[in-house]
């Protein structure tokens, strides 16, 4: 078995709570929830939104990185 050290995952938007809006299949959330070392989402700040709708299985990121800086996401 191998350990994932870095991955680039598509998303449409994120919010300041660390929620990611993907393409609706839940595939990446299943992957993220298997690993505890997926701490950051990277996105252009203009693509961030107020609130991303979530499901119970959605993974929440603790850090969001934009060209404007690094944000610790609140709960």
N, C-alpha and C. Protein backbone atom coordinates (compact mmCIF):
# COMPACT_ATOMS: atom_id res chain seq x y z
N UNK A 1 0.84 -1.18 0.00
CA UNK A 1 0.00 0.00 0.00
C UNK A 1 0.89 1.25 0.00
N UNK A 2 0.44 2.30 -0.61
CA UNK A 2 1.21 3.54 -0.70
C UNK A 2 0.49 4.65 0.06
N UNK A 3 1.23 5.66 0.43
CA UNK A 3 0.68 6.82 1.13
C UNK A 3 0.59 7.99 0.18
N UNK A 4 -0.55 8.66 0.11
CA UNK A 4 -0.73 9.83 -0.73
C UNK A 4 -0.07 11.02 -0.04
N UNK A 5 0.88 11.67 -0.73
CA UNK A 5 1.56 12.83 -0.16
C UNK A 5 1.05 14.13 -0.75
N UNK A 6 0.55 14.09 -1.97
CA UNK A 6 0.08 15.31 -2.62
C UNK A 6 -0.93 14.91 -3.69
N UNK A 7 -2.01 15.66 -3.81
CA UNK A 7 -3.00 15.39 -4.84
C UNK A 7 -3.62 16.71 -5.28
N UNK A 8 -3.90 16.83 -6.56
CA UNK A 8 -4.62 17.98 -7.09
C UNK A 8 -6.02 17.48 -7.43
N UNK A 9 -7.02 18.06 -6.77
CA UNK A 9 -8.40 17.60 -6.89
C UNK A 9 -9.25 18.76 -7.43
N UNK A 10 -10.09 18.52 -8.43
CA UNK A 10 -10.91 19.59 -8.97
C UNK A 10 -11.99 20.04 -8.00
N UNK A 11 -12.32 21.31 -8.06
CA UNK A 11 -13.46 21.82 -7.31
C UNK A 11 -13.99 23.05 -8.02
N UNK A 12 -15.26 23.33 -7.78
CA UNK A 12 -15.89 24.50 -8.37
C UNK A 12 -15.78 25.71 -7.45
N UNK A 13 -15.84 25.45 -6.13
CA UNK A 13 -15.80 26.52 -5.15
C UNK A 13 -15.49 25.95 -3.78
N UNK A 14 -15.14 26.83 -2.86
CA UNK A 14 -15.00 26.49 -1.44
C UNK A 14 -15.61 27.63 -0.64
N UNK A 15 -15.86 27.36 0.64
CA UNK A 15 -16.30 28.44 1.52
C UNK A 15 -15.29 28.60 2.65
N UNK A 16 -15.49 29.57 3.52
CA UNK A 16 -14.54 29.84 4.61
C UNK A 16 -14.63 28.81 5.74
N UNK A 17 -15.57 27.88 5.65
CA UNK A 17 -15.67 26.80 6.63
C UNK A 17 -14.87 25.58 6.21
N UNK A 18 -14.28 25.62 5.01
CA UNK A 18 -13.49 24.51 4.53
C UNK A 18 -14.25 23.50 3.70
N UNK A 19 -15.48 23.83 3.33
CA UNK A 19 -16.27 22.93 2.50
C UNK A 19 -15.94 23.14 1.03
N UNK A 20 -15.89 22.05 0.28
CA UNK A 20 -15.53 22.06 -1.13
C UNK A 20 -16.76 21.71 -1.96
N UNK A 21 -17.02 22.48 -3.01
CA UNK A 21 -18.08 22.15 -3.95
C UNK A 21 -17.44 21.46 -5.13
N UNK A 22 -17.74 20.18 -5.29
CA UNK A 22 -17.15 19.41 -6.38
C UNK A 22 -18.14 19.22 -7.50
N UNK A 23 -18.09 18.03 -8.09
CA UNK A 23 -18.95 17.74 -9.23
C UNK A 23 -20.09 16.80 -8.85
N UNK A 24 -20.30 16.55 -7.57
CA UNK A 24 -21.49 15.85 -7.11
C UNK A 24 -21.44 14.35 -6.97
N UNK A 25 -20.32 13.70 -7.22
CA UNK A 25 -20.28 12.24 -7.13
C UNK A 25 -19.86 11.69 -5.79
N UNK A 26 -19.17 12.50 -4.98
CA UNK A 26 -18.69 12.04 -3.69
C UNK A 26 -17.43 11.19 -3.74
N UNK A 27 -16.86 10.98 -4.93
CA UNK A 27 -15.68 10.13 -5.06
C UNK A 27 -14.50 10.67 -4.27
N UNK A 28 -14.20 11.94 -4.43
CA UNK A 28 -13.04 12.51 -3.76
C UNK A 28 -13.25 12.57 -2.25
N UNK A 29 -14.46 12.84 -1.80
CA UNK A 29 -14.73 12.85 -0.36
C UNK A 29 -14.46 11.49 0.26
N UNK A 30 -14.83 10.43 -0.44
CA UNK A 30 -14.55 9.07 0.04
C UNK A 30 -13.04 8.87 0.15
N UNK A 31 -12.30 9.32 -0.84
CA UNK A 31 -10.84 9.22 -0.82
C UNK A 31 -10.26 10.04 0.34
N UNK A 32 -10.69 11.29 0.48
CA UNK A 32 -10.18 12.17 1.53
C UNK A 32 -10.43 11.57 2.92
N UNK A 33 -11.59 10.99 3.12
CA UNK A 33 -11.94 10.47 4.43
C UNK A 33 -11.16 9.21 4.80
N UNK A 34 -10.46 8.61 3.85
CA UNK A 34 -9.58 7.46 4.14
C UNK A 34 -8.24 7.92 4.69
N UNK A 35 -7.86 9.16 4.41
CA UNK A 35 -6.56 9.70 4.80
C UNK A 35 -6.75 10.89 5.73
N UNK A 36 -5.92 10.96 6.74
CA UNK A 36 -6.01 12.08 7.69
C UNK A 36 -5.11 13.24 7.31
N UNK A 37 -4.31 13.10 6.27
CA UNK A 37 -3.30 14.11 5.93
C UNK A 37 -3.67 14.92 4.69
N UNK A 38 -4.94 15.28 4.54
CA UNK A 38 -5.38 16.12 3.42
C UNK A 38 -5.88 17.43 4.01
N UNK A 39 -4.95 18.32 4.40
CA UNK A 39 -5.37 19.48 5.19
C UNK A 39 -5.78 20.72 4.42
N UNK A 40 -5.46 20.82 3.12
CA UNK A 40 -5.62 22.12 2.46
C UNK A 40 -6.34 22.03 1.13
N UNK A 41 -7.16 23.05 0.86
CA UNK A 41 -7.76 23.25 -0.46
C UNK A 41 -7.07 24.47 -1.07
N UNK A 42 -6.80 24.41 -2.36
CA UNK A 42 -6.17 25.52 -3.07
C UNK A 42 -7.15 26.01 -4.13
N UNK A 43 -7.44 27.31 -4.10
CA UNK A 43 -8.44 27.85 -5.03
C UNK A 43 -8.19 29.35 -5.24
N UNK A 44 -8.58 29.87 -6.39
CA UNK A 44 -8.55 31.32 -6.61
C UNK A 44 -9.60 31.96 -5.70
N UNK A 45 -9.23 33.02 -5.06
CA UNK A 45 -10.14 33.66 -4.10
C UNK A 45 -11.48 34.06 -4.72
N UNK A 46 -11.47 34.45 -5.98
CA UNK A 46 -12.71 34.86 -6.65
C UNK A 46 -13.70 33.70 -6.81
N UNK A 47 -13.23 32.47 -6.65
CA UNK A 47 -14.11 31.30 -6.77
C UNK A 47 -14.68 30.86 -5.42
N UNK A 48 -14.29 31.52 -4.34
CA UNK A 48 -14.84 31.19 -3.03
C UNK A 48 -16.25 31.78 -2.93
N UNK A 49 -17.10 31.13 -2.14
CA UNK A 49 -18.46 31.61 -1.97
C UNK A 49 -18.83 31.63 -0.49
N UNK A 50 -20.00 32.16 -0.19
CA UNK A 50 -20.46 32.29 1.20
C UNK A 50 -20.65 30.97 1.89
N UNK A 51 -21.46 30.09 1.32
CA UNK A 51 -21.74 28.78 1.90
C UNK A 51 -21.85 27.73 0.81
N UNK A 52 -21.15 26.62 1.01
CA UNK A 52 -21.25 25.48 0.10
C UNK A 52 -22.22 24.48 0.72
N UNK A 53 -23.23 24.01 -0.05
CA UNK A 53 -24.12 23.00 0.50
C UNK A 53 -23.35 21.70 0.75
N UNK A 54 -23.63 21.03 1.86
CA UNK A 54 -22.87 19.83 2.23
C UNK A 54 -23.78 18.64 2.52
N UNK A 55 -23.17 17.48 2.45
CA UNK A 55 -23.80 16.22 2.84
C UNK A 55 -23.00 15.66 4.02
N UNK A 56 -23.53 14.66 4.68
CA UNK A 56 -22.87 14.10 5.87
C UNK A 56 -21.50 13.50 5.57
N UNK A 57 -21.28 13.02 4.34
CA UNK A 57 -20.01 12.37 3.99
C UNK A 57 -18.97 13.36 3.46
N UNK A 58 -19.31 14.63 3.28
CA UNK A 58 -18.38 15.60 2.71
C UNK A 58 -17.19 15.85 3.63
N UNK A 59 -16.02 15.94 3.02
CA UNK A 59 -14.78 16.22 3.76
C UNK A 59 -14.62 17.73 3.91
N UNK A 60 -14.24 18.16 5.08
CA UNK A 60 -14.00 19.58 5.33
C UNK A 60 -12.48 19.79 5.48
N UNK A 61 -11.96 20.78 4.75
CA UNK A 61 -10.54 21.11 4.82
C UNK A 61 -10.28 22.08 5.97
N UNK A 62 -9.15 21.92 6.63
CA UNK A 62 -8.82 22.81 7.74
C UNK A 62 -8.14 24.09 7.28
N UNK A 63 -7.59 24.08 6.06
CA UNK A 63 -6.86 25.23 5.52
C UNK A 63 -7.29 25.46 4.08
N UNK A 64 -7.49 26.72 3.70
CA UNK A 64 -7.70 27.09 2.31
C UNK A 64 -6.59 28.04 1.90
N UNK A 65 -5.97 27.76 0.75
CA UNK A 65 -4.87 28.57 0.23
C UNK A 65 -5.36 29.28 -1.02
N UNK A 66 -5.21 30.62 -1.04
CA UNK A 66 -5.56 31.43 -2.20
C UNK A 66 -4.39 32.35 -2.53
N UNK A 67 -4.50 33.07 -3.62
CA UNK A 67 -3.45 34.04 -3.94
C UNK A 67 -3.41 35.17 -2.92
N UNK A 68 -4.47 35.32 -2.13
CA UNK A 68 -4.53 36.35 -1.10
C UNK A 68 -4.00 35.93 0.26
N UNK A 69 -3.69 34.64 0.40
CA UNK A 69 -3.16 34.18 1.67
C UNK A 69 -3.65 32.80 2.05
N UNK A 70 -3.31 32.42 3.26
CA UNK A 70 -3.69 31.12 3.81
C UNK A 70 -4.72 31.36 4.91
N UNK A 71 -5.84 30.66 4.85
CA UNK A 71 -6.92 30.85 5.80
C UNK A 71 -7.16 29.57 6.58
N UNK A 72 -7.19 29.69 7.88
CA UNK A 72 -7.60 28.56 8.74
C UNK A 72 -9.11 28.59 8.78
N UNK A 73 -9.72 27.50 8.39
CA UNK A 73 -11.17 27.45 8.26
C UNK A 73 -11.83 27.19 9.60
N UNK A 74 -12.90 27.95 9.88
CA UNK A 74 -13.67 27.77 11.09
C UNK A 74 -14.72 26.70 10.92
N UNK A 75 -15.26 26.22 12.02
CA UNK A 75 -16.29 25.18 11.97
C UNK A 75 -17.67 25.79 12.00
